[in-house]
Amino acid sequence: MKLLFIGDIVGKPGREIVSALVPRIRAERGIDFVIANGENAAAGAGITGTLCKSILEAGVDVITLGDHVWDQKGFEHEITTFDRVCRPANLPAGNPGRDHVIVAKNGFRLLVFTVLGRSFMGLKAECPFLGAEALLQKLAGQFDGALVEMHAEATSEKQAMGWHLDGRVTAVLGTHTHVATADGSLLRKQTAFMCDVGMTGPHESVLGREIEPVVGRFLDGMPRRFEVATADNRLSAALVEFGADGRATKIDQLSLKQT
């Protein structure tokens, strides 16, 4: 089977390329599951209920979120209306929304959840390692494979999570930095790993934002508005192949332009 995990969707350019390419990729590559991080879908910060609906309608099976989960006013109420959108699992108790999603195809049940790293991250979160452990134990017997998204800043924290869960989940895939890493690999016990899947949106940018204001801020320290850029739009993703036992057999990095 095959799962496509799409890195952070940034603003309108990111949403547009997802809508344009996902149906084609699903058909041409025989994708069974499509998962996408949507936490930057609304003008680069957060997501709304309307945008969740449009991304799901484009052919995405599950939307994951990260540290910008509550950036859009009112989403804390909207998230409760979606059964295929999940906020980070290790947020403090009382946060609204689902902490995981299980999707099924051809009898295979895929568990999907995100944990936030704690190194250099602003949003309050519980220990991601203990959080992942607790969720896997709680749901034991209810899934055949698992995709764990590690939304974190520190490379070491992401790699540690990969090794920690090696052999127990199908894939551990990192997000948050918006820069794809070239370390896609199968770990010793056949868990697919990539430190960061990258960003889906405008790559002629600084992490998806217009170049000049960001450079100007570094030069003089004065505040500026960072608008979402528009040029060199790409879909960044990881394509993971796995067997009926949930063990990964292959991982490829994708960077696709809209044609």
Protein backbone atom coordinates (compact mmCIF):
# COMPACT_ATOMS: atom_id res chain seq x y z
CA MET A 1 0.00 0.00 0.00
CA LYS A 2 1.03 3.63 -0.40
CA LEU A 3 0.59 6.75 1.70
CA LEU A 4 1.37 10.29 0.63
CA PHE A 5 2.21 12.74 3.38
CA ILE A 6 2.13 16.39 2.26
CA GLY A 7 4.28 18.92 4.11
CA ASP A 8 2.94 22.17 5.59
CA ILE A 9 0.41 23.75 3.21
CA VAL A 10 1.20 27.48 3.12
CA GLY A 11 -1.51 29.96 2.18
CA LYS A 12 -3.46 30.16 -1.05
CA PRO A 13 -0.58 28.94 -3.26
CA GLY A 14 -0.27 25.80 -1.16
CA ARG A 15 -4.00 25.16 -1.22
CA GLU A 16 -4.14 25.66 -4.97
CA ILE A 17 -1.38 23.19 -5.77
CA VAL A 18 -2.92 20.59 -3.45
CA SER A 19 -6.25 20.94 -5.26
CA ALA A 20 -4.53 20.76 -8.65
CA LEU A 21 -2.15 17.85 -8.04
CA VAL A 22 -3.59 15.52 -5.39
CA PRO A 23 -6.32 13.96 -7.57
CA ARG A 24 -3.78 13.32 -10.34
CA ILE A 25 -1.13 11.92 -7.99
CA ARG A 26 -3.66 9.60 -6.38
CA ALA A 27 -4.69 8.22 -9.75
CA GLU A 28 -1.25 8.00 -11.39
CA ARG A 29 0.64 6.54 -8.41
CA GLY A 30 -2.11 4.42 -6.89
CA ILE A 31 -2.09 6.22 -3.55
CA ASP A 32 -4.21 4.64 -0.81
CA PHE A 33 -3.97 7.35 1.86
CA VAL A 34 -3.26 11.09 1.60
CA ILE A 35 -2.38 12.97 4.76
CA ALA A 36 -1.54 16.70 4.82
CA ASN A 37 -0.40 19.18 7.42
CA GLY A 38 -2.72 22.18 7.09
CA GLU A 39 -1.61 24.40 9.96
CA ASN A 40 -0.40 27.24 7.67
CA ALA A 41 -3.25 27.07 5.16
CA ALA A 42 -4.92 30.34 6.19
CA ALA A 43 -2.61 33.11 4.94
CA GLY A 44 0.34 31.24 6.40
CA ALA A 45 -0.94 31.00 9.98
CA GLY A 46 -3.56 28.53 11.15
CA ILE A 47 -6.56 27.11 9.34
CA THR A 48 -10.33 27.64 9.23
CA GLY A 49 -13.27 25.29 8.95
CA THR A 50 -13.92 26.43 5.39
CA LEU A 51 -10.35 25.64 4.38
CA CYS A 52 -10.49 22.25 6.09
CA LYS A 53 -13.51 21.40 3.98
CA SER A 54 -11.86 22.48 0.72
CA ILE A 55 -8.65 20.54 1.42
CA LEU A 56 -10.59 17.39 2.28
CA GLU A 57 -12.67 17.81 -0.87
CA ALA A 58 -9.45 17.99 -2.90
CA GLY A 59 -8.72 14.36 -2.02
CA VAL A 60 -6.89 14.61 1.30
CA ASP A 61 -8.01 11.92 3.76
CA VAL A 62 -6.70 13.46 6.99
CA ILE A 63 -5.54 16.97 7.94
CA THR A 64 -2.98 17.27 10.71
CA LEU A 65 -2.07 20.46 12.55
CA GLY A 66 0.84 21.92 14.52
CA ASP A 67 1.77 24.80 16.79
CA HIS A 68 -0.34 27.28 14.76
CA VAL A 69 -3.48 25.22 15.38
CA TRP A 70 -5.34 28.01 17.24
CA ASP A 71 -4.10 31.02 15.22
CA GLN A 72 -7.45 31.60 13.48
CA LYS A 73 -10.23 33.00 15.65
CA GLY A 74 -13.06 30.57 16.23
CA PHE A 75 -11.28 27.46 14.98
CA GLU A 76 -11.35 26.01 18.49
CA HIS A 77 -15.10 25.61 17.91
CA GLU A 78 -14.95 24.61 14.23
CA ILE A 79 -12.45 21.79 14.75
CA THR A 80 -14.99 19.79 16.73
CA THR A 81 -17.18 19.45 13.61
CA PHE A 82 -14.54 17.49 11.63
CA ASP A 83 -13.82 13.79 12.13
CA ARG A 84 -10.81 13.77 9.76
CA VAL A 85 -8.92 16.72 11.26
CA CYS A 86 -6.68 16.24 14.29
CA ARG A 87 -4.80 18.70 16.47
CA PRO A 88 -1.51 17.71 18.14
CA ALA A 89 -2.05 14.80 20.52
CA ASN A 90 0.17 16.14 23.30
CA LEU A 91 -1.57 19.46 23.86
CA PRO A 92 -2.76 19.95 27.45
CA ALA A 93 -5.94 18.19 28.53
CA GLY A 94 -8.99 20.27 27.72
CA ASN A 95 -7.89 21.38 24.25
CA PRO A 96 -10.77 20.79 21.80
CA GLY A 97 -10.63 18.54 18.77
CA ARG A 98 -9.52 15.00 18.01
CA ASP A 99 -6.04 13.85 19.04
CA HIS A 100 -5.93 11.17 16.33
CA VAL A 101 -7.75 9.85 13.27
CA ILE A 102 -8.06 6.28 12.03
CA VAL A 103 -8.83 5.87 8.33
CA ALA A 104 -9.39 2.54 6.57
CA LYS A 105 -9.00 1.26 3.03
CA ASN A 106 -9.28 -2.31 1.76
CA GLY A 107 -9.38 -3.55 5.32
CA PHE A 108 -6.20 -1.74 6.41
CA ARG A 109 -6.63 0.66 9.34
CA LEU A 110 -4.16 3.55 9.43
CA LEU A 111 -3.73 5.53 12.62
CA VAL A 112 -2.65 9.14 12.13
CA PHE A 113 -1.55 11.57 14.83
CA THR A 114 0.83 14.46 15.46
CA VAL A 115 2.98 15.27 18.45
CA LEU A 116 4.62 18.64 19.04
CA GLY A 117 8.26 18.86 19.95
CA ARG A 118 9.21 20.95 22.98
CA SER A 119 12.69 22.22 22.04
CA PHE A 120 12.52 25.84 20.76
CA MET A 121 8.73 25.61 20.35
CA GLY A 122 6.35 28.23 21.72
CA LEU A 123 3.08 26.37 22.20
CA LYS A 124 2.69 24.59 25.52
CA ALA A 125 2.75 20.83 25.07
CA GLU A 126 3.26 17.71 27.14
CA CYS A 127 6.18 15.32 26.52
CA PRO A 128 5.85 14.08 22.90
CA PHE A 129 7.54 10.77 23.68
CA LEU A 130 5.20 9.93 26.54
CA GLY A 131 2.26 11.27 24.53
CA ALA A 132 3.00 9.02 21.57
CA GLU A 133 3.47 6.04 23.90
CA ALA A 134 0.18 6.66 25.65
CA LEU A 135 -1.80 6.96 22.42
CA LEU A 136 -0.28 3.84 20.86
CA GLN A 137 -1.04 1.83 23.99
CA LYS A 138 -4.56 3.23 24.30
CA LEU A 139 -5.41 2.33 20.70
CA ALA A 140 -3.63 -1.03 20.57
CA GLY A 141 -5.59 -3.49 18.46
CA GLN A 142 -7.53 -0.74 16.68
CA PHE A 143 -5.02 -0.08 13.88
CA ASP A 144 -2.78 -2.01 11.48
CA GLY A 145 -0.23 0.71 10.83
CA ALA A 146 0.50 4.20 12.11
CA LEU A 147 1.79 7.47 10.71
CA VAL A 148 3.27 9.67 13.41
CA GLU A 149 3.98 13.27 12.50
CA MET A 150 6.65 14.93 14.62
CA HIS A 151 6.04 18.68 14.40
CA ALA A 152 9.22 20.08 15.85
CA GLU A 153 12.10 22.51 15.44
CA ALA A 154 15.03 20.44 16.70
CA THR A 155 16.55 17.83 14.40
CA SER A 156 17.71 15.78 17.37
CA GLU A 157 14.22 15.60 18.83
CA LYS A 158 12.80 14.37 15.52
CA GLN A 159 15.51 11.77 15.03
CA ALA A 160 15.10 10.56 18.60
CA MET A 161 11.38 10.05 18.02
CA GLY A 162 12.10 8.04 14.88
CA TRP A 163 14.39 5.66 16.75
CA HIS A 164 12.05 5.55 19.74
CA LEU A 165 9.15 4.32 17.60
CA ASP A 166 11.17 2.22 15.14
CA GLY A 167 9.40 -1.04 14.41
CA ARG A 168 6.20 0.02 16.16
CA VAL A 169 4.80 2.43 13.55
CA THR A 170 4.80 2.62 9.77
CA ALA A 171 6.38 6.06 9.54
CA VAL A 172 7.68 8.95 11.61
CA LEU A 173 7.69 12.07 9.43
CA GLY A 174 8.79 15.53 10.54
CA THR A 175 7.27 18.91 9.79
CA HIS A 176 7.50 22.55 10.95
CA THR A 177 10.78 23.91 9.50
CA HIS A 178 9.35 24.22 5.94
CA VAL A 179 12.69 22.95 4.53
CA ALA A 180 12.76 19.39 3.21
CA THR A 181 15.61 17.20 4.41
CA ALA A 182 17.46 14.62 2.33
CA ASP A 183 17.44 11.90 4.97
CA GLY A 184 14.43 9.83 3.96
CA SER A 185 15.25 6.26 4.97
CA LEU A 186 14.03 3.00 6.45
CA LEU A 187 15.18 2.55 10.03
CA ARG A 188 16.46 -0.79 11.35
CA LYS A 189 13.02 -2.22 12.09
CA GLN A 190 11.32 -0.93 8.93
CA THR A 191 9.86 2.35 10.07
CA ALA A 192 10.08 5.03 7.37
CA PHE A 193 11.66 8.25 8.60
CA MET A 194 12.26 11.76 7.28
CA CYS A 195 13.35 14.63 9.50
CA ASP A 196 11.26 17.20 7.60
CA VAL A 197 8.97 16.70 4.63
CA GLY A 198 9.18 20.37 3.68
CA MET A 199 6.65 22.98 2.62
CA THR A 200 3.83 22.94 0.08
CA GLY A 201 3.61 26.45 -1.33
CA PRO A 202 5.83 29.21 -2.75
CA HIS A 203 9.52 28.21 -2.66
CA GLU A 204 10.85 31.54 -4.01
CA SER A 205 10.43 32.87 -0.50
CA VAL A 206 11.71 32.74 3.05
CA LEU A 207 9.76 29.84 4.53
CA GLY A 208 6.77 30.77 2.38
CA ARG A 209 6.85 34.52 3.03
CA GLU A 210 7.84 37.33 0.66
CA ILE A 211 11.60 37.71 0.59
CA GLU A 212 12.16 41.48 0.89
CA PRO A 213 10.30 42.12 4.19
CA VAL A 214 12.08 39.22 5.88
CA VAL A 215 15.51 40.31 4.66
CA GLY A 216 14.70 43.88 5.72
CA ARG A 217 13.77 42.71 9.20
CA PHE A 218 17.13 40.96 9.55
CA LEU A 219 18.95 44.06 8.34
CA ASP A 220 17.41 46.71 10.57
CA GLY A 221 15.24 44.87 13.10
CA MET A 222 12.15 46.93 12.30
CA PRO A 223 8.73 45.23 12.25
CA ARG A 224 7.16 44.40 8.89
CA ARG A 225 4.16 42.51 7.61
CA PHE A 226 5.20 39.12 6.21
CA GLU A 227 2.80 38.28 3.39
CA VAL A 228 2.65 34.83 1.80
CA ALA A 229 4.80 34.74 -1.36
CA THR A 230 3.51 33.45 -4.70
CA ALA A 231 6.43 32.34 -6.91
CA ASP A 232 7.79 28.84 -7.60
CA ASN A 233 4.84 26.94 -6.16
CA ARG A 234 5.65 23.32 -5.27
CA LEU A 235 4.09 20.38 -3.50
CA SER A 236 6.55 18.78 -1.07
CA ALA A 237 5.72 15.32 0.21
CA ALA A 238 6.94 11.93 1.29
CA LEU A 239 5.64 8.81 -0.44
CA VAL A 240 5.79 5.73 1.80
CA GLU A 241 5.13 2.19 0.64
CA PHE A 242 4.27 -0.49 3.20
CA GLY A 243 2.94 -4.01 3.52
CA ALA A 244 -0.12 -5.54 5.13
CA ASP A 245 1.87 -5.84 8.37
CA GLY A 246 2.27 -2.06 8.50
CA ARG A 247 6.04 -2.19 8.01
CA ALA A 248 7.48 0.29 5.51
CA THR A 249 9.32 -1.01 2.45
CA LYS A 250 10.22 2.26 0.70
CA ILE A 251 10.21 6.02 1.17
CA ASP A 252 10.65 8.66 -1.54
CA GLN A 253 10.83 12.43 -1.31
CA LEU A 254 8.64 14.34 -3.78
CA SER A 255 8.90 17.94 -4.94
CA LEU A 256 6.35 18.61 -7.67
CA LYS A 257 5.53 21.77 -9.60
CA GLN A 258 2.14 22.66 -11.00
CA THR A 259 2.07 22.33 -14.80
